[in-house]
Amino acid sequence: MTRMLCTLALVTLMSAPAAEATEAKFSLTGNNTKVTFVGTKPNGKHDGGFRNLTGMATVDGSDVTSLKLSVEIDVNSIYSDNNQLTQHLKSGDFFDVRKHPKARFASTRIEKSGEGWNITGDLTMLGKSRAVTFPATIEASSFGLKLKTEFTINRTQWGMTYGKGRVDEDVKLAVEVTVAK
């Protein structure tokens, strides 16, 4: 009788549907998510980034295509390698932090691309939203998320037109996320 119950229990377990992947949620902050930039001009470049941001990343198990990212950047936390430039970047010539204190990104699609992934989403700066797609390396599980990307945007598409001919329109962005439960 005991052998029969054990066999029945084993058959029941083997025929049971696989457990559903569980959605993992990760809080994104300036401590685990780095957003940096390189702006160039004919005679040089400047490095900088943003210190403060908040956001959320959710993923079902290790299914990277289920990844959803939502990030809000405190634009006033901008920094650069030059204090005078940092103040200028906060002005109406660039980010206009008084009128537009936040920048946002929300993913809309993650797709496999070669060895990595393409992330598509809406980037909002200066009150203007534009769809952007960029390559990334992503490792996701219910225990953690690692994401790394570098891509270029044209700042004039969001209305930053200051310094035509003296400041290059393309700005290189880099994002690195390392977060664990």
N, C-alpha and C. Protein backbone atom coordinates (compact mmCIF):
# COMPACT_ATOMS: atom_id res chain seq x y z
N MET A 1 0.82 -1.19 0.00
CA MET A 1 0.00 0.00 0.00
C MET A 1 0.87 1.27 0.00
N THR A 2 1.92 1.26 0.84
CA THR A 2 2.81 2.42 0.91
C THR A 2 3.50 2.64 -0.44
N ARG A 3 3.95 1.54 -1.06
CA ARG A 3 4.61 1.65 -2.36
C ARG A 3 3.64 2.22 -3.38
N MET A 4 2.39 1.82 -3.34
CA MET A 4 1.39 2.31 -4.28
C MET A 4 1.14 3.81 -4.09
N LEU A 5 1.08 4.27 -2.83
CA LEU A 5 0.88 5.70 -2.55
C LEU A 5 2.07 6.53 -3.04
N CYS A 6 3.28 5.99 -2.80
CA CYS A 6 4.48 6.70 -3.27
C CYS A 6 4.50 6.81 -4.79
N THR A 7 4.14 5.75 -5.47
CA THR A 7 4.10 5.74 -6.93
C THR A 7 3.06 6.74 -7.43
N LEU A 8 1.87 6.72 -6.79
CA LEU A 8 0.81 7.65 -7.17
C LEU A 8 1.25 9.10 -6.96
N ALA A 9 1.92 9.37 -5.84
CA ALA A 9 2.40 10.73 -5.57
C ALA A 9 3.44 11.16 -6.61
N LEU A 10 4.34 10.25 -6.97
CA LEU A 10 5.36 10.56 -7.97
C LEU A 10 4.74 10.83 -9.33
N VAL A 11 3.78 10.03 -9.74
CA VAL A 11 3.10 10.23 -11.02
C VAL A 11 2.36 11.57 -11.01
N THR A 12 1.73 11.90 -9.90
CA THR A 12 1.01 13.17 -9.79
C THR A 12 1.97 14.34 -9.93
N LEU A 13 3.12 14.28 -9.25
CA LEU A 13 4.10 15.36 -9.34
C LEU A 13 4.65 15.50 -10.75
N MET A 14 4.92 14.40 -11.40
CA MET A 14 5.50 14.43 -12.74
C MET A 14 4.50 14.97 -13.77
N SER A 15 3.22 14.76 -13.55
CA SER A 15 2.23 15.21 -14.52
C SER A 15 1.69 16.60 -14.20
N ALA A 16 2.09 17.18 -13.06
CA ALA A 16 1.62 18.51 -12.68
C ALA A 16 2.24 19.54 -13.62
N PRO A 17 1.49 20.62 -13.94
CA PRO A 17 2.06 21.65 -14.80
C PRO A 17 3.26 22.31 -14.13
N ALA A 18 4.20 22.75 -14.96
CA ALA A 18 5.39 23.42 -14.44
C ALA A 18 4.99 24.68 -13.70
N ALA A 19 5.76 25.04 -12.70
CA ALA A 19 5.47 26.24 -11.93
C ALA A 19 5.60 27.47 -12.82
N GLU A 20 4.74 28.41 -12.64
CA GLU A 20 4.78 29.65 -13.41
C GLU A 20 6.01 30.46 -12.99
N ALA A 21 6.59 31.15 -13.93
CA ALA A 21 7.70 32.05 -13.60
C ALA A 21 7.14 33.16 -12.73
N THR A 22 7.89 33.55 -11.73
CA THR A 22 7.41 34.60 -10.86
C THR A 22 8.02 35.93 -11.25
N GLU A 23 7.19 36.94 -11.21
CA GLU A 23 7.66 38.27 -11.57
C GLU A 23 8.53 38.82 -10.45
N ALA A 24 9.73 39.25 -10.82
CA ALA A 24 10.64 39.87 -9.86
C ALA A 24 10.63 41.37 -10.11
N LYS A 25 10.62 42.13 -9.03
CA LYS A 25 10.64 43.59 -9.11
C LYS A 25 11.91 44.10 -8.46
N PHE A 26 12.55 45.04 -9.14
CA PHE A 26 13.79 45.62 -8.64
C PHE A 26 13.67 47.13 -8.63
N SER A 27 13.96 47.75 -7.50
CA SER A 27 13.98 49.21 -7.40
C SER A 27 15.29 49.73 -8.00
N LEU A 28 15.17 50.73 -8.84
CA LEU A 28 16.35 51.35 -9.45
C LEU A 28 16.60 52.68 -8.75
N THR A 29 17.85 52.91 -8.38
CA THR A 29 18.25 54.15 -7.71
C THR A 29 19.59 54.60 -8.29
N GLY A 30 20.02 55.78 -7.88
CA GLY A 30 21.33 56.26 -8.29
C GLY A 30 22.47 55.42 -7.74
N ASN A 31 22.18 54.56 -6.76
CA ASN A 31 23.22 53.68 -6.21
C ASN A 31 23.45 52.44 -7.05
N ASN A 32 22.40 51.94 -7.73
CA ASN A 32 22.57 50.71 -8.51
C ASN A 32 22.40 50.93 -10.02
N THR A 33 22.12 52.16 -10.40
CA THR A 33 21.91 52.49 -11.81
C THR A 33 22.71 53.75 -12.15
N LYS A 34 23.66 53.61 -13.04
CA LYS A 34 24.51 54.74 -13.43
C LYS A 34 24.14 55.20 -14.83
N VAL A 35 23.85 56.49 -14.97
CA VAL A 35 23.57 57.10 -16.27
C VAL A 35 24.63 58.17 -16.49
N THR A 36 25.47 57.97 -17.52
CA THR A 36 26.54 58.92 -17.80
C THR A 36 26.46 59.35 -19.27
N PHE A 37 27.18 60.43 -19.58
CA PHE A 37 27.18 60.93 -20.96
C PHE A 37 28.54 61.48 -21.31
N VAL A 38 28.77 61.58 -22.61
CA VAL A 38 29.94 62.27 -23.16
C VAL A 38 29.42 63.20 -24.23
N GLY A 39 29.63 64.49 -24.03
CA GLY A 39 29.30 65.49 -25.03
C GLY A 39 30.59 65.96 -25.68
N THR A 40 30.54 66.15 -26.98
CA THR A 40 31.77 66.53 -27.69
C THR A 40 31.60 67.86 -28.39
N LYS A 41 32.73 68.44 -28.71
CA LYS A 41 32.80 69.69 -29.48
C LYS A 41 34.06 69.60 -30.32
N PRO A 42 34.20 70.47 -31.32
CA PRO A 42 35.37 70.35 -32.21
C PRO A 42 36.71 70.30 -31.50
N ASN A 43 36.85 70.97 -30.37
CA ASN A 43 38.16 71.00 -29.70
C ASN A 43 38.19 70.21 -28.40
N GLY A 44 37.29 69.23 -28.23
CA GLY A 44 37.36 68.43 -27.00
C GLY A 44 36.05 67.73 -26.66
N LYS A 45 35.96 67.33 -25.39
CA LYS A 45 34.78 66.63 -24.91
C LYS A 45 34.59 66.90 -23.43
N HIS A 46 33.40 66.59 -22.94
CA HIS A 46 33.10 66.68 -21.51
C HIS A 46 32.35 65.44 -21.09
N ASP A 47 32.72 64.91 -19.92
CA ASP A 47 32.06 63.75 -19.33
C ASP A 47 31.13 64.22 -18.23
N GLY A 48 30.06 63.47 -18.02
CA GLY A 48 29.14 63.80 -16.94
C GLY A 48 28.13 62.70 -16.71
N GLY A 49 27.12 63.02 -15.93
CA GLY A 49 26.08 62.04 -15.64
C GLY A 49 25.02 62.63 -14.73
N PHE A 50 24.22 61.74 -14.17
CA PHE A 50 23.13 62.12 -13.27
C PHE A 50 23.27 61.29 -12.00
N ARG A 51 23.23 61.96 -10.85
CA ARG A 51 23.42 61.26 -9.57
C ARG A 51 22.14 60.63 -9.04
N ASN A 52 21.00 61.26 -9.28
CA ASN A 52 19.75 60.81 -8.65
C ASN A 52 18.72 60.36 -9.67
N LEU A 53 18.19 59.18 -9.42
CA LEU A 53 17.10 58.67 -10.24
C LEU A 53 16.31 57.66 -9.42
N THR A 54 15.10 57.41 -9.85
CA THR A 54 14.27 56.37 -9.24
C THR A 54 13.64 55.59 -10.37
N GLY A 55 13.29 54.36 -10.09
CA GLY A 55 12.64 53.58 -11.12
C GLY A 55 12.34 52.18 -10.67
N MET A 56 11.82 51.41 -11.62
CA MET A 56 11.45 50.03 -11.34
C MET A 56 11.77 49.19 -12.57
N ALA A 57 12.26 48.00 -12.32
CA ALA A 57 12.45 47.00 -13.37
C ALA A 57 11.70 45.76 -12.93
N THR A 58 10.93 45.19 -13.84
CA THR A 58 10.24 43.93 -13.55
C THR A 58 10.58 42.93 -14.64
N VAL A 59 10.68 41.67 -14.23
CA VAL A 59 10.98 40.60 -15.19
C VAL A 59 10.35 39.32 -14.69
N ASP A 60 9.81 38.53 -15.62
CA ASP A 60 9.26 37.22 -15.30
C ASP A 60 10.37 36.19 -15.41
N GLY A 61 10.81 35.69 -14.26
CA GLY A 61 11.89 34.69 -14.26
C GLY A 61 13.12 35.21 -14.97
N SER A 62 13.63 34.42 -15.92
CA SER A 62 14.81 34.84 -16.68
C SER A 62 14.43 35.20 -18.12
N ASP A 63 13.14 35.44 -18.38
CA ASP A 63 12.67 35.81 -19.71
C ASP A 63 12.95 37.29 -19.96
N VAL A 64 14.08 37.58 -20.58
CA VAL A 64 14.50 38.96 -20.79
C VAL A 64 13.46 39.74 -21.61
N THR A 65 12.75 39.07 -22.51
CA THR A 65 11.76 39.78 -23.33
C THR A 65 10.60 40.31 -22.49
N SER A 66 10.45 39.81 -21.26
CA SER A 66 9.39 40.30 -20.38
C SER A 66 9.83 41.52 -19.56
N LEU A 67 11.09 41.91 -19.68
CA LEU A 67 11.64 43.01 -18.90
C LEU A 67 10.90 44.31 -19.19
N LYS A 68 10.49 45.00 -18.14
CA LYS A 68 9.89 46.33 -18.23
C LYS A 68 10.73 47.27 -17.38
N LEU A 69 11.14 48.38 -17.97
CA LEU A 69 11.94 49.39 -17.28
C LEU A 69 11.19 50.70 -17.24
N SER A 70 11.24 51.35 -16.11
CA SER A 70 10.66 52.67 -15.97
C SER A 70 11.59 53.47 -15.05
N VAL A 71 12.12 54.58 -15.57
CA VAL A 71 13.11 55.36 -14.82
C VAL A 71 12.75 56.84 -14.89
N GLU A 72 12.89 57.52 -13.76
CA GLU A 72 12.71 58.96 -13.70
C GLU A 72 14.01 59.56 -13.16
N ILE A 73 14.61 60.45 -13.94
CA ILE A 73 15.90 61.05 -13.59
C ILE A 73 15.68 62.46 -13.06
N ASP A 74 16.28 62.76 -11.92
CA ASP A 74 16.29 64.11 -11.37
C ASP A 74 17.35 64.89 -12.15
N VAL A 75 16.91 65.68 -13.12
CA VAL A 75 17.84 66.38 -14.01
C VAL A 75 18.72 67.37 -13.24
N ASN A 76 18.23 67.91 -12.13
CA ASN A 76 19.02 68.84 -11.33
C ASN A 76 20.25 68.15 -10.71
N SER A 77 20.27 66.81 -10.72
CA SER A 77 21.42 66.08 -10.17
C SER A 77 22.53 65.89 -11.21
N ILE A 78 22.41 66.57 -12.34
CA ILE A 78 23.42 66.48 -13.39
C ILE A 78 24.77 66.95 -12.86
N TYR A 79 25.83 66.32 -13.33
CA TYR A 79 27.19 66.75 -13.01
C TYR A 79 28.04 66.61 -14.27
N SER A 80 29.14 67.33 -14.29
CA SER A 80 30.09 67.20 -15.40
C SER A 80 31.49 67.38 -14.85
N ASP A 81 32.46 67.30 -15.74
CA ASP A 81 33.86 67.46 -15.34
C ASP A 81 34.26 68.93 -15.22
N ASN A 82 33.27 69.84 -15.30
CA ASN A 82 33.54 71.28 -15.22
C ASN A 82 32.34 71.94 -14.52
N ASN A 83 32.58 72.56 -13.37
CA ASN A 83 31.48 73.16 -12.59
C ASN A 83 30.71 74.22 -13.36
N GLN A 84 31.41 75.05 -14.12
CA GLN A 84 30.74 76.08 -14.91
C GLN A 84 29.83 75.44 -15.97
N LEU A 85 30.32 74.38 -16.60
CA LEU A 85 29.51 73.66 -17.57
C LEU A 85 28.29 73.03 -16.91
N THR A 86 28.47 72.46 -15.73
CA THR A 86 27.34 71.84 -15.02
C THR A 86 26.22 72.86 -14.83
N GLN A 87 26.57 74.07 -14.41
CA GLN A 87 25.54 75.10 -14.22
C GLN A 87 24.90 75.49 -15.56
N HIS A 88 25.70 75.55 -16.61
CA HIS A 88 25.17 75.89 -17.94
C HIS A 88 24.21 74.80 -18.43
N LEU A 89 24.55 73.53 -18.17
CA LEU A 89 23.67 72.42 -18.58
C LEU A 89 22.31 72.48 -17.89
N LYS A 90 22.26 73.07 -16.70
CA LYS A 90 20.99 73.19 -15.97
C LYS A 90 20.13 74.35 -16.50
N SER A 91 20.73 75.23 -17.29
CA SER A 91 20.04 76.43 -17.77
C SER A 91 19.09 76.13 -18.93
N GLY A 92 18.37 77.14 -19.37
CA GLY A 92 17.46 77.02 -20.49
C GLY A 92 18.13 76.69 -21.81
N ASP A 93 19.45 76.86 -21.89
CA ASP A 93 20.17 76.49 -23.12
C ASP A 93 20.21 74.97 -23.33
N PHE A 94 20.07 74.22 -22.23
CA PHE A 94 20.16 72.76 -22.33
C PHE A 94 18.95 72.10 -21.66
N PHE A 95 19.07 71.71 -20.39
CA PHE A 95 18.02 70.93 -19.73
C PHE A 95 16.90 71.76 -19.10
N ASP A 96 17.12 73.04 -18.88
CA ASP A 96 16.08 73.91 -18.31
C ASP A 96 15.42 73.26 -17.09
N VAL A 97 16.22 72.99 -16.07
CA VAL A 97 15.75 72.22 -14.91
C VAL A 97 14.62 72.90 -14.15
N ARG A 98 14.49 74.21 -14.25
CA ARG A 98 13.37 74.88 -13.56
C ARG A 98 12.03 74.49 -14.17
N LYS A 99 11.98 74.43 -15.49
CA LYS A 99 10.72 74.07 -16.17
C LYS A 99 10.57 72.56 -16.34
N HIS A 100 11.69 71.86 -16.44
CA HIS A 100 11.65 70.42 -16.73
C HIS A 100 12.61 69.67 -15.78
N PRO A 101 12.21 69.52 -14.52
CA PRO A 101 13.10 68.93 -13.53
C PRO A 101 13.31 67.42 -13.66
N LYS A 102 12.51 66.76 -14.48
CA LYS A 102 12.61 65.30 -14.62
C LYS A 102 12.77 64.90 -16.07
N ALA A 103 13.54 63.85 -16.29
CA ALA A 103 13.61 63.15 -17.59
C ALA A 103 13.13 61.74 -17.30
N ARG A 104 12.50 61.11 -18.27
CA ARG A 104 11.92 59.78 -18.05
C ARG A 104 12.25 58.85 -19.21
N PHE A 105 12.34 57.56 -18.85
CA PHE A 105 12.44 56.51 -19.87
C PHE A 105 11.52 55.38 -19.44
N ALA A 106 10.73 54.88 -20.39
CA ALA A 106 9.87 53.72 -20.15
C ALA A 106 10.01 52.79 -21.35
N SER A 107 10.41 51.55 -21.07
CA SER A 107 10.59 50.58 -22.15
C SER A 107 9.23 50.16 -22.70
N THR A 108 9.21 49.84 -23.99
CA THR A 108 8.00 49.35 -24.64
C THR A 108 8.22 47.98 -25.27
N ARG A 109 9.50 47.61 -25.50
CA ARG A 109 9.77 46.32 -26.15
C ARG A 109 11.24 45.94 -25.93
N ILE A 110 11.47 44.64 -25.70
CA ILE A 110 12.82 44.08 -25.63
C ILE A 110 12.87 42.94 -26.65
N GLU A 111 13.85 42.98 -27.54
CA GLU A 111 13.96 41.96 -28.59
C GLU A 111 15.38 41.44 -28.66
N LYS A 112 15.52 40.16 -28.95
CA LYS A 112 16.83 39.54 -29.15
C LYS A 112 17.47 40.13 -30.40
N SER A 113 18.76 40.39 -30.34
CA SER A 113 19.48 40.94 -31.48
C SER A 113 20.91 40.41 -31.44
N GLY A 114 21.21 39.45 -32.29
CA GLY A 114 22.55 38.89 -32.32
C GLY A 114 22.94 38.30 -30.98
N GLU A 115 24.05 38.76 -30.43
CA GLU A 115 24.54 38.29 -29.13
C GLU A 115 23.84 38.97 -27.96
N GLY A 116 23.14 40.07 -28.21
CA GLY A 116 22.53 40.83 -27.14
C GLY A 116 21.05 41.08 -27.36
N TRP A 117 20.62 42.27 -26.98
CA TRP A 117 19.21 42.64 -27.00
C TRP A 117 19.07 44.06 -27.52
N ASN A 118 17.91 44.38 -28.06
CA ASN A 118 17.55 45.76 -28.39
C ASN A 118 16.43 46.17 -27.45
N ILE A 119 16.62 47.32 -26.83
CA ILE A 119 15.59 47.88 -25.96
C ILE A 119 14.97 49.06 -26.69
N THR A 120 13.66 49.08 -26.77
CA THR A 120 12.93 50.20 -27.36
C THR A 120 12.07 50.80 -26.26
N GLY A 121 11.99 52.12 -26.25
CA GLY A 121 11.17 52.79 -25.25
C GLY A 121 11.04 54.26 -25.56
N ASP A 122 10.29 54.94 -24.71
CA ASP A 122 10.06 56.37 -24.87
C ASP A 122 10.95 57.15 -23.92
N LEU A 123 11.76 58.05 -24.48
CA LEU A 123 12.63 58.93 -23.70
C LEU A 123 12.01 60.32 -23.72
N THR A 124 11.75 60.86 -22.54
CA THR A 124 11.14 62.18 -22.41
C THR A 124 12.13 63.13 -21.74
N MET A 125 12.43 64.22 -22.44
CA MET A 125 13.26 65.31 -21.91
C MET A 125 12.66 66.61 -22.40
N LEU A 126 12.74 67.64 -21.60
CA LEU A 126 12.25 68.96 -21.98
C LEU A 126 10.78 68.91 -22.45
N GLY A 127 10.01 67.99 -21.89
CA GLY A 127 8.60 67.87 -22.24
C GLY A 127 8.33 67.20 -23.57
N LYS A 128 9.37 66.69 -24.22
CA LYS A 128 9.20 66.02 -25.52
C LYS A 128 9.54 64.54 -25.38
N SER A 129 8.65 63.68 -25.88
CA SER A 129 8.89 62.23 -25.86
C SER A 129 9.22 61.75 -27.26
N ARG A 130 10.23 60.90 -27.33
CA ARG A 130 10.62 60.30 -28.61
C ARG A 130 10.96 58.84 -28.35
N ALA A 131 10.61 57.99 -29.30
CA ALA A 131 10.97 56.58 -29.22
C ALA A 131 12.45 56.44 -29.55
N VAL A 132 13.14 55.64 -28.75
CA VAL A 132 14.55 55.34 -29.00
C VAL A 132 14.73 53.82 -28.91
N THR A 133 15.67 53.31 -29.68
CA THR A 133 16.04 51.90 -29.62
C THR A 133 17.56 51.83 -29.49
N PHE A 134 18.02 50.99 -28.57
CA PHE A 134 19.45 50.88 -28.37
C PHE A 134 19.83 49.45 -27.99
N PRO A 135 21.07 49.05 -28.31
CA PRO A 135 21.53 47.71 -27.98
C PRO A 135 21.92 47.61 -26.51
N ALA A 136 21.81 46.42 -25.95
CA ALA A 136 22.19 46.23 -24.54
C ALA A 136 22.58 44.77 -24.30
N THR A 137 23.40 44.58 -23.28
CA THR A 137 23.60 43.25 -22.74
C THR A 137 22.75 43.19 -21.48
N ILE A 138 22.01 42.10 -21.33
CA ILE A 138 21.08 41.97 -20.21
C ILE A 138 21.19 40.57 -19.63
N GLU A 139 21.31 40.50 -18.31
CA GLU A 139 21.19 39.25 -17.57
C GLU A 139 20.09 39.47 -16.55
N ALA A 140 19.06 38.63 -16.60
CA ALA A 140 17.93 38.82 -15.70
C ALA A 140 17.50 37.50 -15.09
N SER A 141 17.12 37.55 -13.84
CA SER A 141 16.54 36.40 -13.14
C SER A 141 15.72 36.95 -11.98
N SER A 142 15.09 36.07 -11.24
CA SER A 142 14.33 36.54 -10.10
C SER A 142 15.25 37.02 -8.98
N PHE A 143 16.56 36.78 -9.13
CA PHE A 143 17.52 37.17 -8.10
C PHE A 143 18.27 38.46 -8.40
N GLY A 144 18.26 38.89 -9.67
CA GLY A 144 19.00 40.09 -9.98
C GLY A 144 18.88 40.51 -11.43
N LEU A 145 19.38 41.69 -11.70
CA LEU A 145 19.36 42.25 -13.04
C LEU A 145 20.67 42.97 -13.30
N LYS A 146 21.28 42.66 -14.45
CA LYS A 146 22.45 43.38 -14.92
C LYS A 146 22.14 43.84 -16.33
N LEU A 147 22.38 45.10 -16.58
CA LEU A 147 22.12 45.68 -17.89
C LEU A 147 23.23 46.67 -18.18
N LYS A 148 23.71 46.64 -19.42
CA LYS A 148 24.76 47.58 -19.80
C LYS A 148 24.52 47.99 -21.25
N THR A 149 24.61 49.30 -21.51
CA THR A 149 24.42 49.81 -22.86
C THR A 149 25.20 51.09 -23.06
N GLU A 150 25.54 51.34 -24.31
CA GLU A 150 26.09 52.62 -24.77
C GLU A 150 25.45 52.91 -26.10
N PHE A 151 24.95 54.13 -26.26
CA PHE A 151 24.32 54.51 -27.51
C PHE A 151 24.37 56.03 -27.64
N THR A 152 24.00 56.52 -28.81
CA THR A 152 24.08 57.94 -29.09
C THR A 152 22.70 58.48 -29.41
N ILE A 153 22.41 59.68 -28.89
CA ILE A 153 21.19 60.39 -29.27
C ILE A 153 21.58 61.73 -29.85
N ASN A 154 20.69 62.29 -30.64
CA ASN A 154 20.86 63.64 -31.18
C ASN A 154 20.07 64.57 -30.26
N ARG A 155 20.76 65.39 -29.49
CA ARG A 155 20.13 66.24 -28.48
C ARG A 155 19.12 67.22 -29.08
N THR A 156 19.29 67.59 -30.34
CA THR A 156 18.39 68.58 -30.95
C THR A 156 16.98 68.01 -31.13
N GLN A 157 16.83 66.69 -31.16
CA GLN A 157 15.51 66.08 -31.29
C GLN A 157 14.63 66.35 -30.08
N TRP A 158 15.22 66.76 -28.97
CA TRP A 158 14.47 67.13 -27.77
C TRP A 158 14.48 68.65 -27.54
N GLY A 159 15.01 69.39 -28.49
CA GLY A 159 14.99 70.85 -28.40
C GLY A 159 16.25 71.50 -27.88
N MET A 160 17.31 70.75 -27.66
CA MET A 160 18.57 71.33 -27.20
C MET A 160 19.38 71.76 -28.42
N THR A 161 19.22 73.01 -28.81
CA THR A 161 19.86 73.49 -30.04
C THR A 161 21.00 74.48 -29.79
N TYR A 162 21.29 74.78 -28.53
CA TYR A 162 22.33 75.74 -28.19
C TYR A 162 23.69 75.31 -28.76
N GLY A 163 24.45 76.28 -29.23
CA GLY A 163 25.84 76.06 -29.63
C GLY A 163 26.04 75.41 -30.98
N LYS A 164 25.11 75.59 -31.89
CA LYS A 164 25.23 74.97 -33.22
C LYS A 164 26.60 75.29 -33.82
N GLY A 165 27.32 74.25 -34.20
CA GLY A 165 28.66 74.41 -34.77
C GLY A 165 29.76 74.44 -33.73
N ARG A 166 29.41 74.75 -32.48
CA ARG A 166 30.41 74.78 -31.40
C ARG A 166 30.26 73.59 -30.47
N VAL A 167 29.05 73.01 -30.44
CA VAL A 167 28.76 71.84 -29.61
C VAL A 167 28.14 70.79 -30.53
N ASP A 168 28.71 69.58 -30.55
CA ASP A 168 28.18 68.54 -31.42
C ASP A 168 26.76 68.16 -31.00
N GLU A 169 25.94 67.82 -31.97
CA GLU A 169 24.55 67.46 -31.70
C GLU A 169 24.44 66.08 -31.07
N ASP A 170 25.30 65.15 -31.44
CA ASP A 170 25.24 63.79 -30.89
C ASP A 170 25.88 63.74 -29.51
N VAL A 171 25.20 63.04 -28.60
CA VAL A 171 25.68 62.84 -27.24
C VAL A 171 25.68 61.34 -26.98
N LYS A 172 26.80 60.84 -26.47
CA LYS A 172 26.91 59.42 -26.16
C LYS A 172 26.41 59.18 -24.73
N LEU A 173 25.46 58.26 -24.59
CA LEU A 173 24.92 57.89 -23.28
C LEU A 173 25.39 56.49 -22.92
N ALA A 174 25.61 56.26 -21.65
CA ALA A 174 25.93 54.93 -21.13
C ALA A 174 25.07 54.69 -19.89
N VAL A 175 24.52 53.49 -19.81
CA VAL A 175 23.69 53.12 -18.67
C VAL A 175 24.19 51.77 -18.17
N GLU A 176 24.35 51.67 -16.86
CA GLU A 176 24.75 50.41 -16.26
C GLU A 176 23.92 50.16 -15.01
N VAL A 177 23.23 49.01 -15.01
CA VAL A 177 22.37 48.61 -13.90
C VAL A 177 22.93 47.33 -13.30
N THR A 178 23.12 47.32 -11.99
CA THR A 178 23.49 46.10 -11.27
C THR A 178 22.70 46.10 -9.99
N VAL A 179 21.67 45.24 -9.93
CA VAL A 179 20.79 45.21 -8.78
C VAL A 179 20.46 43.75 -8.43
N ALA A 180 20.44 43.45 -7.15
CA ALA A 180 20.13 42.10 -6.68
C ALA A 180 19.08 42.18 -5.59
N LYS A 181 18.33 41.10 -5.45
CA LYS A 181 17.34 41.04 -4.37
C LYS A 181 18.02 40.75 -3.07
